[in-house]
């Protein structure tokens, strides 16, 4: 039987407190780097699509970077269902960020809206019994979440209060994030999309607590690399109330991913600076809007340039073709249209 929050025992052990200090340091450094990045939208777009790909992969929705960015172009003649699912994820993440930015709280209605954007349905919380979490290999039931609708409503109301009311518990915010993730995944309130919705809630909570300004700390790649541990430790809390290992796992993820993301943003910024100098020194049509476009859309197209720079189609095509001719972009054909790849940025994003 899943217990309501708060947790009565002190789970902030010596090992957890030690790990908290280093996780907070790494997270604070990431927040600082983001605050001096010229255009925030670039990071939400490029890093958000990375997270969407990895978070979807945990649920066995496998796609390629190439497919994701082609789907983002919306060019006639390209269809990928998995890439569409990944796009739904980035759209749900942005919706969640807009909701908490406006209200500074995260309600159950917001969580339902995020899941609805993700799954493109209006099913809401589970009303019918029969949901069980099974071992993908053996098919045996590993965990049975709450079955009755009233119980799900009750537990989600309690979780909503825990997320928004700091007087319920004086645990550190990062410990609370790990508790919220455990509780949400254990309630498993939706028929579909629980894992991905839960991972969106993680990063939104960090923004709510002012530990980040943008939702760009994404734990999905870390979870993919340690998928067996992730599920084993969640189950350990359910069965033996062993919180320490779960908290250490999540805090280690926050620390590692913060460091990796800080490094990646630094490399993206350096590359932007390099492109800025190249464009400004060699092209009369250089503008900050053009630079932003080439980094917000690793795959760009004529229509994006028309829209972002307010120029005609002929002018936009001329700009892109000239940059492709000089090797700053790579021109590709898809259906009846063309698209242009910022290969150096793609190499950073795909860790080549």
C-alpha atoms as a PDB file:
ATOM      1  CA  UNK A   1       0.000   0.000   0.000  1.00  0.00           C
ATOM      2  CA  UNK A   2       1.485   3.337  -1.091  1.00  0.00           C
ATOM      3  CA  UNK A   3       1.777   5.775   1.825  1.00  0.00           C
ATOM      4  CA  UNK A   4       0.879   9.448   1.646  1.00  0.00           C
ATOM      5  CA  UNK A   5       3.505  12.161   1.993  1.00  0.00           C
ATOM      6  CA  UNK A   6       5.347  13.539   3.911  1.00  0.00           C
ATOM      7  CA  UNK A   7       7.814  10.808   4.887  1.00  0.00           C
ATOM      8  CA  UNK A   8       7.956  10.614   8.647  1.00  0.00           C
ATOM      9  CA  UNK A   9      11.547   9.347   9.097  1.00  0.00           C
ATOM     10  CA  UNK A  10      14.713  11.355   8.518  1.00  0.00           C
ATOM     11  CA  UNK A  11      16.068  10.159   5.179  1.00  0.00           C
ATOM     12  CA  UNK A  12      18.791  12.818   4.869  1.00  0.00           C
ATOM     13  CA  UNK A  13      21.629  10.554   6.009  1.00  0.00           C
ATOM     14  CA  UNK A  14      25.293  11.633   6.224  1.00  0.00           C
ATOM     15  CA  UNK A  15      25.975  10.186   2.758  1.00  0.00           C
ATOM     16  CA  UNK A  16      22.949  11.993   1.337  1.00  0.00           C
ATOM     17  CA  UNK A  17      23.961  15.325   2.910  1.00  0.00           C
ATOM     18  CA  UNK A  18      27.492  14.976   1.497  1.00  0.00           C
ATOM     19  CA  UNK A  19      26.131  14.229  -1.981  1.00  0.00           C
ATOM     20  CA  UNK A  20      23.654  17.118  -1.680  1.00  0.00           C
ATOM     21  CA  UNK A  21      26.510  19.605  -1.282  1.00  0.00           C
ATOM     22  CA  UNK A  22      28.236  18.544  -4.523  1.00  0.00           C
ATOM     23  CA  UNK A  23      24.934  18.256  -6.455  1.00  0.00           C
ATOM     24  CA  UNK A  24      23.969  21.815  -5.436  1.00  0.00           C
ATOM     25  CA  UNK A  25      27.394  23.140  -6.452  1.00  0.00           C
ATOM     26  CA  UNK A  26      27.128  21.607  -9.925  1.00  0.00           C
ATOM     27  CA  UNK A  27      23.538  22.826 -10.339  1.00  0.00           C
ATOM     28  CA  UNK A  28      24.455  26.386  -9.260  1.00  0.00           C
ATOM     29  CA  UNK A  29      27.264  26.430 -11.837  1.00  0.00           C
ATOM     30  CA  UNK A  30      24.816  25.333 -14.553  1.00  0.00           C
ATOM     31  CA  UNK A  31      22.351  28.054 -13.541  1.00  0.00           C
ATOM     32  CA  UNK A  32      25.152  30.629 -13.755  1.00  0.00           C
ATOM     33  CA  UNK A  33      26.250  29.528 -17.237  1.00  0.00           C
ATOM     34  CA  UNK A  34      22.650  29.656 -18.514  1.00  0.00           C
ATOM     35  CA  UNK A  35      22.173  33.183 -17.162  1.00  0.00           C
ATOM     36  CA  UNK A  36      25.028  34.518 -19.343  1.00  0.00           C
ATOM     37  CA  UNK A  37      23.911  32.723 -22.522  1.00  0.00           C
ATOM     38  CA  UNK A  38      22.768  35.275 -25.145  1.00  0.00           C
ATOM     39  CA  UNK A  39      19.525  33.625 -26.291  1.00  0.00           C
ATOM     40  CA  UNK A  40      17.653  31.317 -23.918  1.00  0.00           C
ATOM     41  CA  UNK A  41      15.337  29.962 -26.644  1.00  0.00           C
ATOM     42  CA  UNK A  42      18.320  28.363 -28.320  1.00  0.00           C
ATOM     43  CA  UNK A  43      18.952  26.202 -25.251  1.00  0.00           C
ATOM     44  CA  UNK A  44      15.312  25.219 -24.736  1.00  0.00           C
ATOM     45  CA  UNK A  45      15.065  24.178 -28.368  1.00  0.00           C
ATOM     46  CA  UNK A  46      18.344  22.351 -28.893  1.00  0.00           C
ATOM     47  CA  UNK A  47      18.735  20.768 -25.442  1.00  0.00           C
ATOM     48  CA  UNK A  48      14.984  20.176 -25.127  1.00  0.00           C
ATOM     49  CA  UNK A  49      14.940  18.075 -28.282  1.00  0.00           C
ATOM     50  CA  UNK A  50      17.885  16.053 -26.933  1.00  0.00           C
ATOM     51  CA  UNK A  51      15.950  15.345 -23.732  1.00  0.00           C
ATOM     52  CA  UNK A  52      12.785  14.530 -25.671  1.00  0.00           C
ATOM     53  CA  UNK A  53      14.720  11.944 -27.692  1.00  0.00           C
ATOM     54  CA  UNK A  54      16.320  10.344 -24.615  1.00  0.00           C
ATOM     55  CA  UNK A  55      13.192  10.408 -22.447  1.00  0.00           C
ATOM     56  CA  UNK A  56      11.200   8.771 -25.236  1.00  0.00           C
ATOM     57  CA  UNK A  57      13.936   6.148 -25.718  1.00  0.00           C
ATOM     58  CA  UNK A  58      13.441   4.990 -22.113  1.00  0.00           C
ATOM     59  CA  UNK A  59       9.889   4.055 -23.178  1.00  0.00           C
ATOM     60  CA  UNK A  60      11.294   2.282 -26.284  1.00  0.00           C
ATOM     61  CA  UNK A  61      10.227   5.088 -28.633  1.00  0.00           C
ATOM     62  CA  UNK A  62      13.427   5.041 -30.637  1.00  0.00           C
ATOM     63  CA  UNK A  63      14.270   7.689 -33.198  1.00  0.00           C
ATOM     64  CA  UNK A  64      17.355   9.360 -34.689  1.00  0.00           C
ATOM     65  CA  UNK A  65      18.577  12.953 -34.367  1.00  0.00           C
ATOM     66  CA  UNK A  66      18.163  13.234 -38.122  1.00  0.00           C
ATOM     67  CA  UNK A  67      14.483  12.222 -37.951  1.00  0.00           C
ATOM     68  CA  UNK A  68      13.742  14.556 -35.025  1.00  0.00           C
ATOM     69  CA  UNK A  69      15.173  17.624 -36.739  1.00  0.00           C
ATOM     70  CA  UNK A  70      13.557  16.734 -40.055  1.00  0.00           C
ATOM     71  CA  UNK A  71      10.210  16.433 -38.253  1.00  0.00           C
ATOM     72  CA  UNK A  72      10.853  19.870 -36.731  1.00  0.00           C
ATOM     73  CA  UNK A  73      11.122  21.293 -40.270  1.00  0.00           C
ATOM     74  CA  UNK A  74       7.587  20.098 -41.080  1.00  0.00           C
ATOM     75  CA  UNK A  75       8.554  19.466 -44.698  1.00  0.00           C
ATOM     76  CA  UNK A  76       6.098  17.729 -47.007  1.00  0.00           C
ATOM     77  CA  UNK A  77       7.160  14.171 -47.748  1.00  0.00           C
ATOM     78  CA  UNK A  78       8.696  13.372 -44.334  1.00  0.00           C
ATOM     79  CA  UNK A  79       6.752  11.246 -41.862  1.00  0.00           C
ATOM     80  CA  UNK A  80       8.037   9.543 -38.706  1.00  0.00           C
ATOM     81  CA  UNK A  81       5.620   8.524 -35.962  1.00  0.00           C
ATOM     82  CA  UNK A  82       8.380   8.194 -33.383  1.00  0.00           C
ATOM     83  CA  UNK A  83       9.794  11.625 -34.246  1.00  0.00           C
ATOM     84  CA  UNK A  84       6.259  13.016 -33.844  1.00  0.00           C
ATOM     85  CA  UNK A  85       6.083  11.503 -30.337  1.00  0.00           C
ATOM     86  CA  UNK A  86       9.384  13.175 -29.505  1.00  0.00           C
ATOM     87  CA  UNK A  87       8.017  16.490 -30.780  1.00  0.00           C
ATOM     88  CA  UNK A  88       4.980  16.038 -28.514  1.00  0.00           C
ATOM     89  CA  UNK A  89       7.413  15.721 -25.595  1.00  0.00           C
ATOM     90  CA  UNK A  90       9.172  19.029 -26.295  1.00  0.00           C
ATOM     91  CA  UNK A  91       5.766  20.643 -26.754  1.00  0.00           C
ATOM     92  CA  UNK A  92       4.604  19.237 -23.351  1.00  0.00           C
ATOM     93  CA  UNK A  93       7.827  20.455 -21.685  1.00  0.00           C
ATOM     94  CA  UNK A  94       7.338  23.984 -23.071  1.00  0.00           C
ATOM     95  CA  UNK A  95       3.690  23.970 -22.005  1.00  0.00           C
ATOM     96  CA  UNK A  96       4.680  22.957 -18.451  1.00  0.00           C
ATOM     97  CA  UNK A  97       7.357  25.658 -18.330  1.00  0.00           C
ATOM     98  CA  UNK A  98       4.841  28.303 -19.461  1.00  0.00           C
ATOM     99  CA  UNK A  99       2.342  27.163 -16.793  1.00  0.00           C
ATOM    100  CA  UNK A 100       4.792  27.285 -13.869  1.00  0.00           C
ATOM    101  CA  UNK A 101       6.410  30.512 -15.081  1.00  0.00           C
ATOM    102  CA  UNK A 102       3.035  32.177 -14.891  1.00  0.00           C
ATOM    103  CA  UNK A 103       1.761  30.741 -11.606  1.00  0.00           C
ATOM    104  CA  UNK A 104       4.854  29.507  -9.726  1.00  0.00           C
ATOM    105  CA  UNK A 105       2.915  26.404  -8.655  1.00  0.00           C
ATOM    106  CA  UNK A 106       2.300  23.018 -10.286  1.00  0.00           C
ATOM    107  CA  UNK A 107      -1.241  21.714  -9.898  1.00  0.00           C
ATOM    108  CA  UNK A 108      -2.799  18.384 -10.841  1.00  0.00           C
ATOM    109  CA  UNK A 109      -4.657  20.163 -13.640  1.00  0.00           C
ATOM    110  CA  UNK A 110      -1.269  21.312 -14.984  1.00  0.00           C
ATOM    111  CA  UNK A 111       0.084  17.748 -14.776  1.00  0.00           C
ATOM    112  CA  UNK A 112      -2.994  16.484 -16.671  1.00  0.00           C
ATOM    113  CA  UNK A 113      -2.445  19.190 -19.325  1.00  0.00           C
ATOM    114  CA  UNK A 114       1.230  18.196 -19.700  1.00  0.00           C
ATOM    115  CA  UNK A 115       0.323  14.505 -20.104  1.00  0.00           C
ATOM    116  CA  UNK A 116      -2.460  15.392 -22.537  1.00  0.00           C
ATOM    117  CA  UNK A 117       0.008  17.364 -24.700  1.00  0.00           C
ATOM    118  CA  UNK A 118       2.402  14.428 -24.536  1.00  0.00           C
ATOM    119  CA  UNK A 119      -0.068  11.682 -25.419  1.00  0.00           C
ATOM    120  CA  UNK A 120      -2.502  13.783 -27.497  1.00  0.00           C
ATOM    121  CA  UNK A 121      -5.490  12.407 -25.590  1.00  0.00           C
ATOM    122  CA  UNK A 122      -7.824  13.637 -22.861  1.00  0.00           C
ATOM    123  CA  UNK A 123      -8.002  10.414 -20.833  1.00  0.00           C
ATOM    124  CA  UNK A 124      -6.969  12.077 -17.546  1.00  0.00           C
ATOM    125  CA  UNK A 125      -6.238   9.946 -14.469  1.00  0.00           C
ATOM    126  CA  UNK A 126      -6.847   6.180 -14.679  1.00  0.00           C
ATOM    127  CA  UNK A 127     -10.449   5.215 -13.962  1.00  0.00           C
ATOM    128  CA  UNK A 128     -10.290   1.479 -14.700  1.00  0.00           C
ATOM    129  CA  UNK A 129      -8.336  -1.129 -12.692  1.00  0.00           C
ATOM    130  CA  UNK A 130      -5.909  -3.534 -14.364  1.00  0.00           C
ATOM    131  CA  UNK A 131      -2.683  -1.521 -14.628  1.00  0.00           C
ATOM    132  CA  UNK A 132       0.466  -3.424 -13.585  1.00  0.00           C
ATOM    133  CA  UNK A 133       4.156  -2.778 -14.180  1.00  0.00           C
ATOM    134  CA  UNK A 134       5.781  -5.841 -15.723  1.00  0.00           C
ATOM    135  CA  UNK A 135       9.329  -7.013 -16.292  1.00  0.00           C
ATOM    136  CA  UNK A 136       9.941  -6.397 -20.017  1.00  0.00           C
ATOM    137  CA  UNK A 137      11.921  -9.655 -20.361  1.00  0.00           C
ATOM    138  CA  UNK A 138       9.977 -12.151 -18.248  1.00  0.00           C
ATOM    139  CA  UNK A 139       6.526 -10.574 -18.334  1.00  0.00           C
ATOM    140  CA  UNK A 140       6.092 -11.070 -14.567  1.00  0.00           C
ATOM    141  CA  UNK A 141       4.369  -8.324 -12.557  1.00  0.00           C
ATOM    142  CA  UNK A 142       6.960  -6.295 -10.648  1.00  0.00           C
ATOM    143  CA  UNK A 143       4.645  -3.722  -9.076  1.00  0.00           C
ATOM    144  CA  UNK A 144       0.913  -3.058  -8.925  1.00  0.00           C
ATOM    145  CA  UNK A 145       0.122   0.655  -8.500  1.00  0.00           C
ATOM    146  CA  UNK A 146      -3.084   1.900  -6.816  1.00  0.00           C
ATOM    147  CA  UNK A 147      -6.073   0.584  -8.797  1.00  0.00           C
ATOM    148  CA  UNK A 148      -9.134   2.504  -7.637  1.00  0.00           C
ATOM    149  CA  UNK A 149      -9.904   5.923  -9.125  1.00  0.00           C
ATOM    150  CA  UNK A 150     -10.724   7.486  -5.730  1.00  0.00           C
ATOM    151  CA  UNK A 151      -7.371   6.238  -4.357  1.00  0.00           C
ATOM    152  CA  UNK A 152      -5.459   7.745  -7.308  1.00  0.00           C
ATOM    153  CA  UNK A 153      -7.290  11.070  -6.823  1.00  0.00           C
ATOM    154  CA  UNK A 154      -6.545  11.000  -3.108  1.00  0.00           C
ATOM    155  CA  UNK A 155      -2.829  10.271  -3.550  1.00  0.00           C
ATOM    156  CA  UNK A 156      -2.459  12.843  -6.352  1.00  0.00           C
ATOM    157  CA  UNK A 157      -4.159  15.533  -4.207  1.00  0.00           C
ATOM    158  CA  UNK A 158      -1.640  14.720  -1.459  1.00  0.00           C
ATOM    159  CA  UNK A 159       1.259  14.872  -3.957  1.00  0.00           C
ATOM    160  CA  UNK A 160       0.015  18.222  -5.317  1.00  0.00           C
ATOM    161  CA  UNK A 161       0.082  19.612  -1.774  1.00  0.00           C
ATOM    162  CA  UNK A 162       3.587  18.232  -1.170  1.00  0.00           C
ATOM    163  CA  UNK A 163       4.885  19.820  -4.404  1.00  0.00           C
ATOM    164  CA  UNK A 164       3.525  23.276  -3.570  1.00  0.00           C
ATOM    165  CA  UNK A 165       3.424  23.518   0.250  1.00  0.00           C
ATOM    166  CA  UNK A 166       6.921  23.764   1.747  1.00  0.00           C
ATOM    167  CA  UNK A 167       5.575  23.594   5.294  1.00  0.00           C
ATOM    168  CA  UNK A 168       4.796  19.880   4.804  1.00  0.00           C
ATOM    169  CA  UNK A 169       8.484  18.915   4.904  1.00  0.00           C
ATOM    170  CA  UNK A 170      11.784  20.658   5.560  1.00  0.00           C
ATOM    171  CA  UNK A 171      13.864  18.296   3.430  1.00  0.00           C
ATOM    172  CA  UNK A 172      16.225  19.844   0.893  1.00  0.00           C
ATOM    173  CA  UNK A 173      14.597  20.709  -2.478  1.00  0.00           C
ATOM    174  CA  UNK A 174      16.691  18.119  -4.361  1.00  0.00           C
ATOM    175  CA  UNK A 175      15.638  15.414  -1.896  1.00  0.00           C
ATOM    176  CA  UNK A 176      12.029  16.538  -2.369  1.00  0.00           C
ATOM    177  CA  UNK A 177      12.414  16.282  -6.144  1.00  0.00           C
ATOM    178  CA  UNK A 178      13.539  12.649  -5.758  1.00  0.00           C
ATOM    179  CA  UNK A 179      10.622  11.935  -3.387  1.00  0.00           C
ATOM    180  CA  UNK A 180       8.136  13.554  -5.805  1.00  0.00           C
ATOM    181  CA  UNK A 181       9.501  11.464  -8.680  1.00  0.00           C
ATOM    182  CA  UNK A 182       9.249   8.252  -6.648  1.00  0.00           C
ATOM    183  CA  UNK A 183       5.704   9.052  -5.500  1.00  0.00           C
ATOM    184  CA  UNK A 184       4.442  10.060  -8.947  1.00  0.00           C
ATOM    185  CA  UNK A 185       5.884   6.960 -10.641  1.00  0.00           C
ATOM    186  CA  UNK A 186       4.463   4.757  -7.865  1.00  0.00           C
ATOM    187  CA  UNK A 187       0.969   6.283  -8.132  1.00  0.00           C
ATOM    188  CA  UNK A 188       1.299   5.827 -11.925  1.00  0.00           C
ATOM    189  CA  UNK A 189      -1.822   7.972 -12.397  1.00  0.00           C
ATOM    190  CA  UNK A 190      -2.157   7.775 -16.198  1.00  0.00           C
ATOM    191  CA  UNK A 191      -2.762   4.938 -18.630  1.00  0.00           C
ATOM    192  CA  UNK A 192       0.211   6.160 -20.717  1.00  0.00           C
ATOM    193  CA  UNK A 193       3.083   8.634 -20.456  1.00  0.00           C
ATOM    194  CA  UNK A 194       3.808   8.322 -16.710  1.00  0.00           C
ATOM    195  CA  UNK A 195       7.590   8.050 -17.124  1.00  0.00           C
ATOM    196  CA  UNK A 196       7.900  10.991 -19.480  1.00  0.00           C
ATOM    197  CA  UNK A 197       5.459  13.163 -17.489  1.00  0.00           C
ATOM    198  CA  UNK A 198       7.415  12.340 -14.317  1.00  0.00           C
ATOM    199  CA  UNK A 199      10.694  13.406 -15.911  1.00  0.00           C
ATOM    200  CA  UNK A 200       9.142  16.705 -17.033  1.00  0.00           C
ATOM    201  CA  UNK A 201       7.897  17.283 -13.451  1.00  0.00           C
ATOM    202  CA  UNK A 202      11.503  16.804 -12.185  1.00  0.00           C
ATOM    203  CA  UNK A 203      12.917  19.727 -14.122  1.00  0.00           C
ATOM    204  CA  UNK A 204       9.860  21.957 -13.636  1.00  0.00           C
ATOM    205  CA  UNK A 205      10.222  21.502  -9.872  1.00  0.00           C
ATOM    206  CA  UNK A 206      13.840  22.702 -10.021  1.00  0.00           C
ATOM    207  CA  UNK A 207      12.681  25.827 -11.875  1.00  0.00           C
ATOM    208  CA  UNK A 208       9.892  26.374  -9.329  1.00  0.00           C
ATOM    209  CA  UNK A 209      12.463  26.227  -6.523  1.00  0.00           C
ATOM    210  CA  UNK A 210      14.646  28.772  -8.386  1.00  0.00           C
ATOM    211  CA  UNK A 211      17.499  26.257  -8.697  1.00  0.00           C
ATOM    212  CA  UNK A 212      17.345  26.809 -12.478  1.00  0.00           C
ATOM    213  CA  UNK A 213      15.918  29.604 -14.643  1.00  0.00           C
ATOM    214  CA  UNK A 214      15.229  27.335 -17.608  1.00  0.00           C
ATOM    215  CA  UNK A 215      14.062  23.708 -17.762  1.00  0.00           C
ATOM    216  CA  UNK A 216      17.325  22.284 -19.133  1.00  0.00           C
ATOM    217  CA  UNK A 217      18.571  19.760 -16.580  1.00  0.00           C
ATOM    218  CA  UNK A 218      17.567  16.495 -18.183  1.00  0.00           C
ATOM    219  CA  UNK A 219      18.150  13.221 -16.386  1.00  0.00           C
ATOM    220  CA  UNK A 220      16.925  10.918 -19.157  1.00  0.00           C
ATOM    221  CA  UNK A 221      20.324  10.133 -20.680  1.00  0.00           C
ATOM    222  CA  UNK A 222      21.642   9.302 -17.186  1.00  0.00           C
ATOM    223  CA  UNK A 223      18.618   7.046 -16.594  1.00  0.00           C
ATOM    224  CA  UNK A 224      19.095   5.287 -19.967  1.00  0.00           C
ATOM    225  CA  UNK A 225      22.699   4.460 -19.041  1.00  0.00           C
ATOM    226  CA  UNK A 226      21.583   3.127 -15.649  1.00  0.00           C
ATOM    227  CA  UNK A 227      18.092   1.910 -16.512  1.00  0.00           C
ATOM    228  CA  UNK A 228      18.318  -1.350 -14.512  1.00  0.00           C
ATOM    229  CA  UNK A 229      19.491   0.548 -11.389  1.00  0.00           C
ATOM    230  CA  UNK A 230      16.735   3.141 -11.809  1.00  0.00           C
ATOM    231  CA  UNK A 231      13.941   0.550 -11.763  1.00  0.00           C
ATOM    232  CA  UNK A 232      15.649  -1.609  -9.096  1.00  0.00           C
ATOM    233  CA  UNK A 233      16.082   1.337  -6.688  1.00  0.00           C
ATOM    234  CA  UNK A 234      12.506   2.567  -7.191  1.00  0.00           C
ATOM    235  CA  UNK A 235      11.302  -0.933  -6.351  1.00  0.00           C
ATOM    236  CA  UNK A 236      13.651  -1.128  -3.334  1.00  0.00           C
ATOM    237  CA  UNK A 237      11.954   1.919  -1.793  1.00  0.00           C
ATOM    238  CA  UNK A 238       8.535   0.298  -2.345  1.00  0.00           C
ATOM    239  CA  UNK A 239       9.565  -3.024  -0.836  1.00  0.00           C
ATOM    240  CA  UNK A 240      12.061  -2.168   1.913  1.00  0.00           C
ATOM    241  CA  UNK A 241      11.690   1.605   2.485  1.00  0.00           C
ATOM    242  CA  UNK A 242      15.388   2.012   1.566  1.00  0.00           C
ATOM    243  CA  UNK A 243      15.483   5.692   0.599  1.00  0.00           C
ATOM    244  CA  UNK A 244      19.236   6.279   0.861  1.00  0.00           C
ATOM    245  CA  UNK A 245      20.286   4.432  -2.323  1.00  0.00           C
ATOM    246  CA  UNK A 246      17.459   6.009  -4.351  1.00  0.00           C
ATOM    247  CA  UNK A 247      18.358   9.522  -3.180  1.00  0.00           C
ATOM    248  CA  UNK A 248      22.074   8.984  -3.849  1.00  0.00           C
ATOM    249  CA  UNK A 249      21.237   7.712  -7.344  1.00  0.00           C
ATOM    250  CA  UNK A 250      19.121  10.788  -8.169  1.00  0.00           C
ATOM    251  CA  UNK A 251      21.597  13.255  -6.621  1.00  0.00           C
ATOM    252  CA  UNK A 252      24.457  11.645  -8.511  1.00  0.00           C
ATOM    253  CA  UNK A 253      22.405  12.101 -11.698  1.00  0.00           C
ATOM    254  CA  UNK A 254      21.804  15.782 -10.939  1.00  0.00           C
ATOM    255  CA  UNK A 255      25.518  16.356 -10.308  1.00  0.00           C
ATOM    256  CA  UNK A 256      26.754  14.450 -13.390  1.00  0.00           C
ATOM    257  CA  UNK A 257      24.202  15.897 -15.799  1.00  0.00           C
ATOM    258  CA  UNK A 258      24.698  19.450 -14.468  1.00  0.00           C
ATOM    259  CA  UNK A 259      28.432  19.188 -15.185  1.00  0.00           C
ATOM    260  CA  UNK A 260      27.892  17.697 -18.661  1.00  0.00           C
ATOM    261  CA  UNK A 261      25.272  20.328 -19.553  1.00  0.00           C
ATOM    262  CA  UNK A 262      27.480  23.186 -18.292  1.00  0.00           C
ATOM    263  CA  UNK A 263      30.291  21.913 -20.513  1.00  0.00           C
ATOM    264  CA  UNK A 264      27.979  21.508 -23.534  1.00  0.00           C
ATOM    265  CA  UNK A 265      26.517  25.021 -23.157  1.00  0.00           C
ATOM    266  CA  UNK A 266      30.051  26.409 -22.971  1.00  0.00           C
ATOM    267  CA  UNK A 267      30.921  24.665 -26.254  1.00  0.00           C
ATOM    268  CA  UNK A 268      27.709  25.903 -27.922  1.00  0.00           C
ATOM    269  CA  UNK A 269      28.509  29.458 -26.785  1.00  0.00           C
ATOM    270  CA  UNK A 270      32.078  29.221 -28.142  1.00  0.00           C
ATOM    271  CA  UNK A 271      30.767  27.938 -31.489  1.00  0.00           C
ATOM    272  CA  UNK A 272      28.196  30.761 -31.653  1.00  0.00           C
ATOM    273  CA  UNK A 273      30.970  33.280 -31.042  1.00  0.00           C
ATOM    274  CA  UNK A 274      33.054  31.681 -33.814  1.00  0.00           C
ATOM    275  CA  UNK A 275      30.102  31.830 -36.244  1.00  0.00           C
ATOM    276  CA  UNK A 276      29.317  35.393 -35.210  1.00  0.00           C
ATOM    277  CA  UNK A 277      32.848  36.528 -36.147  1.00  0.00           C
ATOM    278  CA  UNK A 278      32.798  34.577 -39.424  1.00  0.00           C
ATOM    279  CA  UNK A 279      29.405  35.954 -40.451  1.00  0.00           C
ATOM    280  CA  UNK A 280      30.099  39.524 -39.358  1.00  0.00           C
ATOM    281  CA  UNK A 281      33.474  39.657 -41.121  1.00  0.00           C
ATOM    282  CA  UNK A 282      32.448  37.978 -44.385  1.00  0.00           C
ATOM    283  CA  UNK A 283      28.744  38.563 -45.077  1.00  0.00           C
ATOM    284  CA  UNK A 284      26.940  41.864 -45.543  1.00  0.00           C
ATOM    285  CA  UNK A 285      23.678  40.194 -44.516  1.00  0.00           C
ATOM    286  CA  UNK A 286      24.952  39.224 -41.009  1.00  0.00           C
ATOM    287  CA  UNK A 287      22.499  39.891 -38.169  1.00  0.00           C
ATOM    288  CA  UNK A 288      22.022  38.598 -34.633  1.00  0.00           C
ATOM    289  CA  UNK A 289      18.639  37.188 -35.759  1.00  0.00           C
ATOM    290  CA  UNK A 290      20.376  35.128 -38.440  1.00  0.00           C
ATOM    291  CA  UNK A 291      22.907  33.789 -35.923  1.00  0.00           C
ATOM    292  CA  UNK A 292      20.123  32.928 -33.463  1.00  0.00           C
ATOM    293  CA  UNK A 293      18.235  31.095 -36.206  1.00  0.00           C
ATOM    294  CA  UNK A 294      21.216  28.907 -37.130  1.00  0.00           C
ATOM    295  CA  UNK A 295      21.626  27.833 -33.488  1.00  0.00           C
ATOM    296  CA  UNK A 296      17.957  27.577 -32.512  1.00  0.00           C
ATOM    297  CA  UNK A 297      17.332  25.272 -35.496  1.00  0.00           C
ATOM    298  CA  UNK A 298      20.263  22.902 -36.120  1.00  0.00           C
ATOM    299  CA  UNK A 299      18.272  22.024 -39.253  1.00  0.00           C
ATOM    300  CA  UNK A 300      16.876  25.242 -40.738  1.00  0.00           C
ATOM    301  CA  UNK A 301      14.931  26.105 -43.894  1.00  0.00           C
ATOM    302  CA  UNK A 302      13.987  29.092 -46.056  1.00  0.00           C
ATOM    303  CA  UNK A 303      10.662  29.644 -44.247  1.00  0.00           C
ATOM    304  CA  UNK A 304      12.403  29.867 -40.833  1.00  0.00           C
ATOM    305  CA  UNK A 305      14.759  32.570 -42.155  1.00  0.00           C
ATOM    306  CA  UNK A 306      11.849  34.443 -43.798  1.00  0.00           C
ATOM    307  CA  UNK A 307       9.959  34.427 -40.502  1.00  0.00           C
ATOM    308  CA  UNK A 308      12.852  35.193 -38.122  1.00  0.00           C
ATOM    309  CA  UNK A 309      14.541  37.877 -40.260  1.00  0.00           C
ATOM    310  CA  UNK A 310      11.453  39.373 -41.907  1.00  0.00           C
ATOM    311  CA  UNK A 311      12.910  38.956 -45.414  1.00  0.00           C
ATOM    312  CA  UNK A 312      11.455  37.666 -48.688  1.00  0.00           C
ATOM    313  CA  UNK A 313      11.682  34.024 -49.732  1.00  0.00           C
ATOM    314  CA  UNK A 314      14.181  34.870 -52.492  1.00  0.00           C
ATOM    315  CA  UNK A 315      16.419  36.741 -50.033  1.00  0.00           C
ATOM    316  CA  UNK A 316      16.208  33.951 -47.417  1.00  0.00           C
ATOM    317  CA  UNK A 317      17.163  31.336 -50.043  1.00  0.00           C
ATOM    318  CA  UNK A 318      20.087  33.494 -51.193  1.00  0.00           C
ATOM    319  CA  UNK A 319      21.451  33.784 -47.616  1.00  0.00           C
ATOM    320  CA  UNK A 320      21.221  30.047 -46.935  1.00  0.00           C
ATOM    321  CA  UNK A 321      22.651  28.997 -50.310  1.00  0.00           C
ATOM    322  CA  UNK A 322      25.612  31.317 -49.885  1.00  0.00           C
ATOM    323  CA  UNK A 323      26.360  29.929 -46.400  1.00  0.00           C
ATOM    324  CA  UNK A 324      26.032  26.365 -47.759  1.00  0.00           C
ATOM    325  CA  UNK A 325      28.359  27.161 -50.698  1.00  0.00           C
ATOM    326  CA  UNK A 326      31.013  28.386 -48.232  1.00  0.00           C
ATOM    327  CA  UNK A 327      30.657  25.314 -45.991  1.00  0.00           C
ATOM    328  CA  UNK A 328      29.046  26.978 -42.938  1.00  0.00           C
ATOM    329  CA  UNK A 329      25.909  24.890 -43.538  1.00  0.00           C
ATOM    330  CA  UNK A 330      25.230  21.658 -45.410  1.00  0.00           C
ATOM    331  CA  UNK A 331      22.384  21.755 -47.938  1.00  0.00           C
ATOM    332  CA  UNK A 332      20.120  18.692 -48.252  1.00  0.00           C
ATOM    333  CA  UNK A 333      17.041  17.938 -50.339  1.00  0.00           C
ATOM    334  CA  UNK A 334      13.839  16.478 -48.894  1.00  0.00           C
ATOM    335  CA  UNK A 335      10.771  15.993 -51.087  1.00  0.00           C
ATOM    336  CA  UNK A 336      10.356  19.201 -53.068  1.00  0.00           C
ATOM    337  CA  UNK A 337      12.150  21.362 -50.490  1.00  0.00           C
ATOM    338  CA  UNK A 338      15.649  21.959 -49.172  1.00  0.00           C
ATOM    339  CA  UNK A 339      16.945  22.140 -45.622  1.00  0.00           C
ATOM    340  CA  UNK A 340      20.272  23.307 -44.228  1.00  0.00           C
ATOM    341  CA  UNK A 341      22.247  21.666 -41.407  1.00  0.00           C
ATOM    342  CA  UNK A 342      24.544  23.404 -38.938  1.00  0.00           C
ATOM    343  CA  UNK A 343      26.894  20.403 -38.843  1.00  0.00           C
ATOM    344  CA  UNK A 344      29.252  21.713 -36.176  1.00  0.00           C
ATOM    345  CA  UNK A 345      26.357  22.303 -33.796  1.00  0.00           C
ATOM    346  CA  UNK A 346      24.956  18.843 -34.577  1.00  0.00           C
ATOM    347  CA  UNK A 347      28.355  17.304 -33.773  1.00  0.00           C
ATOM    348  CA  UNK A 348      28.249  18.932 -30.328  1.00  0.00           C
ATOM    349  CA  UNK A 349      24.653  17.847 -29.685  1.00  0.00           C
ATOM    350  CA  UNK A 350      25.300  14.269 -30.762  1.00  0.00           C
ATOM    351  CA  UNK A 351      28.680  14.202 -28.977  1.00  0.00           C
ATOM    352  CA  UNK A 352      30.711  13.462 -32.122  1.00  0.00           C
END
